[in-house]
Amino acid sequence: MKGRGDYMQNFFDNKVQKMLHRRRYEGGKELYGDHARPMREMKEEAQSELQELCPLVRTHAHPTELRTREERCKAEEELLHDEELVASEQVSDWLNFRRETLMNRFREEVSSARGSCF
C-alpha cells in the first residue's frame, strides 16, 4: 500500500462519499417524500397534450406521394437549368449596363469635344 500513494486514499474516500450520499438520498426520501411528483404530473400533462396533437403533425409522406428517382433527377435538371439561365441573365444585364455606361461616356466626350471645337 505504501507504493500506491494517494491513489488508495482517494479510492476509499470516494467510496465513503458515495455511501454517505446514498444514505442521505434514501434518508431524504423517507423524511421529505416525493418532491418530483408535481414535476412528473406536469410532464404527463404536457405529454398528453402532445399526444393529442400528434395526429395533426405530418411526419412522413405517403408512398403514393413520393417521387421516383427519374422525377427527382428531372426536377434537379430543371433547377440547374434555371440557375444557369439566371446566371446568364445576370451576366447579360451586367454587359448591357457596362455598354450603356460606355456609350454615355462616349456621348459626353463627343458632345464636349464638339462644344469645344466650335
N, C-alpha and C. Protein backbone atom coordinates (compact mmCIF):
# COMPACT_ATOMS: atom_id res chain seq x y z
N MET A 1 0.81 -1.19 0.00
CA MET A 1 0.00 0.00 0.00
C MET A 1 0.86 1.26 0.00
N LYS A 2 2.09 1.12 0.46
CA LYS A 2 2.92 2.30 0.54
C LYS A 2 3.23 2.87 -0.84
N GLY A 3 3.49 2.01 -1.79
CA GLY A 3 3.89 2.47 -3.11
C GLY A 3 2.77 3.14 -3.89
N ARG A 4 1.55 2.91 -3.50
CA ARG A 4 0.43 3.45 -4.26
C ARG A 4 0.16 4.91 -3.96
N GLY A 5 0.63 5.40 -2.85
CA GLY A 5 0.47 6.81 -2.52
C GLY A 5 -0.97 7.19 -2.23
N ASP A 6 -1.38 8.33 -2.79
CA ASP A 6 -2.72 8.84 -2.51
C ASP A 6 -3.81 8.12 -3.28
N TYR A 7 -3.43 7.24 -4.21
CA TYR A 7 -4.43 6.57 -5.03
C TYR A 7 -5.42 5.80 -4.17
N MET A 8 -4.88 4.97 -3.23
CA MET A 8 -5.76 4.16 -2.38
C MET A 8 -6.58 5.06 -1.46
N GLN A 9 -5.95 6.10 -0.95
CA GLN A 9 -6.68 7.02 -0.07
C GLN A 9 -7.85 7.64 -0.82
N ASN A 10 -7.60 8.13 -2.04
CA ASN A 10 -8.67 8.73 -2.84
C ASN A 10 -9.75 7.71 -3.18
N PHE A 11 -9.33 6.48 -3.48
CA PHE A 11 -10.29 5.44 -3.83
C PHE A 11 -11.27 5.21 -2.69
N PHE A 12 -10.71 5.05 -1.46
CA PHE A 12 -11.59 4.78 -0.33
C PHE A 12 -12.37 6.02 0.09
N ASP A 13 -11.79 7.19 -0.07
CA ASP A 13 -12.54 8.42 0.20
C ASP A 13 -13.76 8.51 -0.71
N ASN A 14 -13.56 8.23 -1.99
CA ASN A 14 -14.68 8.27 -2.94
C ASN A 14 -15.74 7.24 -2.57
N LYS A 15 -15.28 6.06 -2.16
CA LYS A 15 -16.23 5.00 -1.79
C LYS A 15 -17.07 5.44 -0.59
N VAL A 16 -16.42 6.03 0.40
CA VAL A 16 -17.13 6.51 1.59
C VAL A 16 -18.10 7.63 1.21
N GLN A 17 -17.66 8.55 0.35
CA GLN A 17 -18.54 9.64 -0.08
C GLN A 17 -19.78 9.11 -0.80
N LYS A 18 -19.60 8.10 -1.64
CA LYS A 18 -20.74 7.51 -2.34
C LYS A 18 -21.72 6.87 -1.36
N MET A 19 -21.17 6.17 -0.35
CA MET A 19 -22.04 5.54 0.64
C MET A 19 -22.81 6.60 1.42
N LEU A 20 -22.13 7.68 1.83
CA LEU A 20 -22.81 8.75 2.56
C LEU A 20 -23.89 9.39 1.69
N HIS A 21 -23.57 9.61 0.44
CA HIS A 21 -24.55 10.22 -0.47
C HIS A 21 -25.78 9.32 -0.60
N ARG A 22 -25.56 8.01 -0.77
CA ARG A 22 -26.68 7.09 -0.91
C ARG A 22 -27.54 7.10 0.36
N ARG A 23 -26.89 7.10 1.53
CA ARG A 23 -27.65 7.12 2.79
C ARG A 23 -28.47 8.40 2.92
N ARG A 24 -27.84 9.56 2.58
CA ARG A 24 -28.57 10.83 2.66
C ARG A 24 -29.74 10.84 1.69
N TYR A 25 -29.51 10.31 0.49
CA TYR A 25 -30.56 10.29 -0.53
C TYR A 25 -31.75 9.45 -0.06
N GLU A 26 -31.46 8.25 0.45
CA GLU A 26 -32.53 7.38 0.92
C GLU A 26 -33.20 7.97 2.16
N GLY A 27 -32.41 8.59 3.05
CA GLY A 27 -32.99 9.22 4.23
C GLY A 27 -33.87 10.40 3.86
N GLY A 28 -33.45 11.18 2.87
CA GLY A 28 -34.26 12.30 2.42
C GLY A 28 -35.58 11.86 1.84
N LYS A 29 -35.57 10.75 1.13
CA LYS A 29 -36.82 10.22 0.59
C LYS A 29 -37.79 9.88 1.71
N GLU A 30 -37.25 9.27 2.77
CA GLU A 30 -38.11 8.89 3.89
C GLU A 30 -38.62 10.13 4.63
N LEU A 31 -37.75 11.15 4.78
CA LEU A 31 -38.15 12.34 5.53
C LEU A 31 -39.09 13.24 4.75
N TYR A 32 -38.76 13.51 3.50
CA TYR A 32 -39.48 14.55 2.76
C TYR A 32 -40.46 14.03 1.71
N GLY A 33 -40.46 12.74 1.47
CA GLY A 33 -41.40 12.21 0.49
C GLY A 33 -40.92 12.45 -0.94
N ASP A 34 -41.89 12.44 -1.86
CA ASP A 34 -41.56 12.54 -3.29
C ASP A 34 -41.71 13.98 -3.75
N HIS A 35 -40.57 14.69 -3.89
CA HIS A 35 -40.60 16.08 -4.35
C HIS A 35 -40.84 16.18 -5.85
N ALA A 36 -40.55 15.13 -6.55
CA ALA A 36 -40.64 15.18 -8.01
C ALA A 36 -42.06 14.91 -8.52
N ARG A 37 -42.99 14.57 -7.65
CA ARG A 37 -44.35 14.24 -8.09
C ARG A 37 -45.01 15.38 -8.86
N PRO A 38 -44.97 16.65 -8.38
CA PRO A 38 -45.59 17.73 -9.17
C PRO A 38 -44.97 17.89 -10.55
N MET A 39 -43.64 17.76 -10.61
CA MET A 39 -42.98 17.88 -11.91
C MET A 39 -43.38 16.73 -12.82
N ARG A 40 -43.49 15.53 -12.25
CA ARG A 40 -43.91 14.38 -13.05
C ARG A 40 -45.32 14.58 -13.59
N GLU A 41 -46.21 15.13 -12.76
CA GLU A 41 -47.59 15.37 -13.20
C GLU A 41 -47.62 16.40 -14.33
N MET A 42 -46.81 17.48 -14.20
CA MET A 42 -46.76 18.48 -15.27
C MET A 42 -46.23 17.86 -16.55
N LYS A 43 -45.24 17.00 -16.42
CA LYS A 43 -44.68 16.35 -17.60
C LYS A 43 -45.73 15.45 -18.25
N GLU A 44 -46.50 14.73 -17.44
CA GLU A 44 -47.54 13.86 -18.00
C GLU A 44 -48.62 14.67 -18.70
N GLU A 45 -48.97 15.85 -18.15
CA GLU A 45 -49.95 16.71 -18.82
C GLU A 45 -49.43 17.17 -20.17
N ALA A 46 -48.17 17.60 -20.20
CA ALA A 46 -47.58 18.06 -21.46
C ALA A 46 -47.52 16.91 -22.47
N GLN A 47 -47.18 15.71 -21.99
CA GLN A 47 -47.13 14.55 -22.88
C GLN A 47 -48.51 14.25 -23.45
N SER A 48 -49.55 14.36 -22.61
CA SER A 48 -50.91 14.08 -23.11
C SER A 48 -51.32 15.12 -24.16
N GLU A 49 -50.96 16.40 -23.94
CA GLU A 49 -51.26 17.42 -24.95
C GLU A 49 -50.54 17.12 -26.26
N LEU A 50 -49.28 16.70 -26.15
CA LEU A 50 -48.54 16.35 -27.36
C LEU A 50 -49.17 15.16 -28.07
N GLN A 51 -49.64 14.19 -27.30
CA GLN A 51 -50.28 13.03 -27.92
C GLN A 51 -51.56 13.43 -28.64
N GLU A 52 -52.27 14.44 -28.12
CA GLU A 52 -53.47 14.93 -28.81
C GLU A 52 -53.09 15.59 -30.13
N LEU A 53 -51.96 16.30 -30.15
CA LEU A 53 -51.53 16.99 -31.36
C LEU A 53 -50.84 16.07 -32.36
N CYS A 54 -50.41 14.92 -31.91
CA CYS A 54 -49.62 14.03 -32.76
C CYS A 54 -50.31 13.68 -34.07
N PRO A 55 -51.60 13.36 -34.11
CA PRO A 55 -52.22 13.03 -35.40
C PRO A 55 -52.25 14.21 -36.38
N LEU A 56 -52.16 15.44 -35.87
CA LEU A 56 -52.21 16.61 -36.73
C LEU A 56 -50.86 16.91 -37.38
N VAL A 57 -49.80 16.31 -36.86
CA VAL A 57 -48.46 16.57 -37.37
C VAL A 57 -48.12 15.51 -38.42
N ARG A 58 -47.68 15.99 -39.57
CA ARG A 58 -47.33 15.06 -40.64
C ARG A 58 -45.83 14.81 -40.59
N THR A 59 -45.47 13.59 -40.26
CA THR A 59 -44.06 13.28 -40.11
C THR A 59 -43.48 12.56 -41.31
N HIS A 60 -44.34 12.03 -42.17
CA HIS A 60 -43.82 11.34 -43.34
C HIS A 60 -44.83 11.46 -44.47
N ALA A 61 -44.35 11.26 -45.68
CA ALA A 61 -45.21 11.32 -46.86
C ALA A 61 -45.69 9.92 -47.20
N HIS A 62 -46.90 9.84 -47.72
CA HIS A 62 -47.44 8.56 -48.13
C HIS A 62 -46.64 8.06 -49.33
N PRO A 63 -46.45 6.75 -49.46
CA PRO A 63 -45.65 6.24 -50.59
C PRO A 63 -46.17 6.66 -51.95
N THR A 64 -47.47 6.89 -52.08
CA THR A 64 -48.00 7.32 -53.38
C THR A 64 -47.62 8.76 -53.68
N GLU A 65 -47.26 9.54 -52.65
CA GLU A 65 -46.89 10.93 -52.86
C GLU A 65 -45.40 11.11 -53.12
N LEU A 66 -44.63 10.06 -52.94
CA LEU A 66 -43.19 10.16 -53.15
C LEU A 66 -42.87 10.16 -54.64
N ARG A 67 -41.82 10.89 -54.99
CA ARG A 67 -41.41 10.94 -56.39
C ARG A 67 -40.42 9.82 -56.68
N THR A 68 -40.45 9.37 -57.91
CA THR A 68 -39.49 8.35 -58.31
C THR A 68 -38.13 9.00 -58.53
N ARG A 69 -37.13 8.16 -58.73
CA ARG A 69 -35.78 8.67 -58.94
C ARG A 69 -35.71 9.50 -60.21
N GLU A 70 -36.40 9.04 -61.26
CA GLU A 70 -36.38 9.77 -62.53
C GLU A 70 -37.01 11.16 -62.36
N GLU A 71 -38.11 11.21 -61.61
CA GLU A 71 -38.76 12.51 -61.39
C GLU A 71 -37.86 13.45 -60.60
N ARG A 72 -37.17 12.90 -59.60
CA ARG A 72 -36.26 13.74 -58.82
C ARG A 72 -35.11 14.24 -59.69
N CYS A 73 -34.57 13.36 -60.55
CA CYS A 73 -33.48 13.77 -61.45
C CYS A 73 -33.96 14.84 -62.42
N LYS A 74 -35.17 14.67 -62.94
CA LYS A 74 -35.71 15.65 -63.89
C LYS A 74 -35.89 17.01 -63.20
N ALA A 75 -36.43 16.99 -61.98
CA ALA A 75 -36.61 18.24 -61.24
C ALA A 75 -35.26 18.89 -60.95
N GLU A 76 -34.26 18.07 -60.62
CA GLU A 76 -32.92 18.61 -60.35
C GLU A 76 -32.33 19.24 -61.61
N GLU A 77 -32.52 18.57 -62.76
CA GLU A 77 -32.03 19.14 -64.02
C GLU A 77 -32.71 20.46 -64.33
N GLU A 78 -34.02 20.53 -64.09
CA GLU A 78 -34.74 21.78 -64.33
C GLU A 78 -34.21 22.89 -63.43
N LEU A 79 -33.96 22.56 -62.17
CA LEU A 79 -33.42 23.57 -61.26
C LEU A 79 -32.04 24.05 -61.71
N LEU A 80 -31.19 23.12 -62.13
CA LEU A 80 -29.86 23.51 -62.61
C LEU A 80 -29.97 24.38 -63.85
N HIS A 81 -30.89 24.02 -64.75
CA HIS A 81 -31.09 24.82 -65.96
C HIS A 81 -31.55 26.24 -65.60
N ASP A 82 -32.49 26.32 -64.65
CA ASP A 82 -32.97 27.63 -64.21
C ASP A 82 -31.84 28.45 -63.61
N GLU A 83 -30.98 27.80 -62.81
CA GLU A 83 -29.85 28.52 -62.23
C GLU A 83 -28.91 29.04 -63.31
N GLU A 84 -28.67 28.22 -64.33
CA GLU A 84 -27.82 28.66 -65.43
C GLU A 84 -28.44 29.84 -66.16
N LEU A 85 -29.76 29.79 -66.37
CA LEU A 85 -30.44 30.90 -67.04
C LEU A 85 -30.31 32.19 -66.23
N VAL A 86 -30.51 32.07 -64.93
CA VAL A 86 -30.40 33.25 -64.07
C VAL A 86 -28.99 33.81 -64.12
N ALA A 87 -27.99 32.93 -64.08
CA ALA A 87 -26.60 33.39 -64.13
C ALA A 87 -26.31 34.07 -65.47
N SER A 88 -26.79 33.50 -66.57
CA SER A 88 -26.53 34.12 -67.88
C SER A 88 -27.26 35.45 -68.00
N GLU A 89 -28.47 35.54 -67.43
CA GLU A 89 -29.19 36.82 -67.44
C GLU A 89 -28.45 37.87 -66.63
N GLN A 90 -27.87 37.47 -65.52
CA GLN A 90 -27.10 38.42 -64.72
C GLN A 90 -25.90 38.92 -65.50
N VAL A 91 -25.23 38.01 -66.20
CA VAL A 91 -24.07 38.42 -66.99
C VAL A 91 -24.50 39.35 -68.11
N SER A 92 -25.59 39.00 -68.79
CA SER A 92 -26.05 39.87 -69.89
C SER A 92 -26.50 41.23 -69.36
N ASP A 93 -27.16 41.23 -68.19
CA ASP A 93 -27.55 42.51 -67.59
C ASP A 93 -26.31 43.35 -67.28
N TRP A 94 -25.28 42.72 -66.75
CA TRP A 94 -24.06 43.44 -66.43
C TRP A 94 -23.41 43.98 -67.70
N LEU A 95 -23.39 43.14 -68.75
CA LEU A 95 -22.80 43.60 -70.01
C LEU A 95 -23.59 44.76 -70.61
N ASN A 96 -24.93 44.67 -70.55
CA ASN A 96 -25.76 45.77 -71.04
C ASN A 96 -25.50 47.05 -70.25
N PHE A 97 -25.40 46.93 -68.95
CA PHE A 97 -25.12 48.09 -68.11
C PHE A 97 -23.77 48.69 -68.47
N ARG A 98 -22.77 47.83 -68.63
CA ARG A 98 -21.43 48.31 -68.99
C ARG A 98 -21.45 49.01 -70.35
N ARG A 99 -22.16 48.42 -71.31
CA ARG A 99 -22.24 49.02 -72.64
C ARG A 99 -22.91 50.39 -72.57
N GLU A 100 -23.99 50.48 -71.79
CA GLU A 100 -24.71 51.75 -71.66
C GLU A 100 -23.82 52.81 -71.03
N THR A 101 -23.09 52.44 -70.00
CA THR A 101 -22.22 53.44 -69.35
C THR A 101 -21.12 53.89 -70.30
N LEU A 102 -20.56 52.94 -71.05
CA LEU A 102 -19.52 53.34 -72.00
C LEU A 102 -20.08 54.23 -73.10
N MET A 103 -21.28 53.91 -73.58
CA MET A 103 -21.91 54.73 -74.61
C MET A 103 -22.20 56.13 -74.07
N ASN A 104 -22.67 56.22 -72.84
CA ASN A 104 -22.94 57.53 -72.24
C ASN A 104 -21.65 58.34 -72.12
N ARG A 105 -20.56 57.70 -71.70
CA ARG A 105 -19.28 58.40 -71.61
C ARG A 105 -18.84 58.90 -72.99
N PHE A 106 -18.99 58.02 -73.98
CA PHE A 106 -18.60 58.39 -75.34
C PHE A 106 -19.42 59.58 -75.82
N ARG A 107 -20.73 59.56 -75.57
CA ARG A 107 -21.58 60.69 -75.98
C ARG A 107 -21.15 61.97 -75.30
N GLU A 108 -20.87 61.87 -73.99
CA GLU A 108 -20.44 63.06 -73.25
C GLU A 108 -19.12 63.61 -73.82
N GLU A 109 -18.19 62.71 -74.13
CA GLU A 109 -16.91 63.15 -74.69
C GLU A 109 -17.10 63.78 -76.06
N VAL A 110 -17.96 63.15 -76.87
CA VAL A 110 -18.19 63.69 -78.22
C VAL A 110 -18.88 65.04 -78.13
N SER A 111 -19.88 65.12 -77.26
CA SER A 111 -20.60 66.40 -77.15
C SER A 111 -19.69 67.48 -76.57
N SER A 112 -18.83 67.14 -75.61
CA SER A 112 -17.92 68.14 -75.06
C SER A 112 -16.85 68.51 -76.09
N ALA A 113 -16.42 67.54 -76.90
CA ALA A 113 -15.43 67.84 -77.94
C ALA A 113 -16.04 68.73 -79.01
N ARG A 114 -17.26 68.50 -79.40
CA ARG A 114 -17.92 69.34 -80.40
C ARG A 114 -18.13 70.74 -79.86
N GLY A 115 -18.49 70.81 -78.58
CA GLY A 115 -18.72 72.12 -77.99
C GLY A 115 -17.43 72.92 -77.89
N SER A 116 -16.31 72.26 -77.64
CA SER A 116 -15.05 73.00 -77.52
C SER A 116 -14.48 73.37 -78.89
N CYS A 117 -14.78 72.57 -79.91
CA CYS A 117 -14.27 72.87 -81.26
C CYS A 117 -14.98 74.09 -81.85
N PHE A 118 -16.23 74.22 -81.60
CA PHE A 118 -16.99 75.30 -82.25
C PHE A 118 -17.09 76.47 -81.38
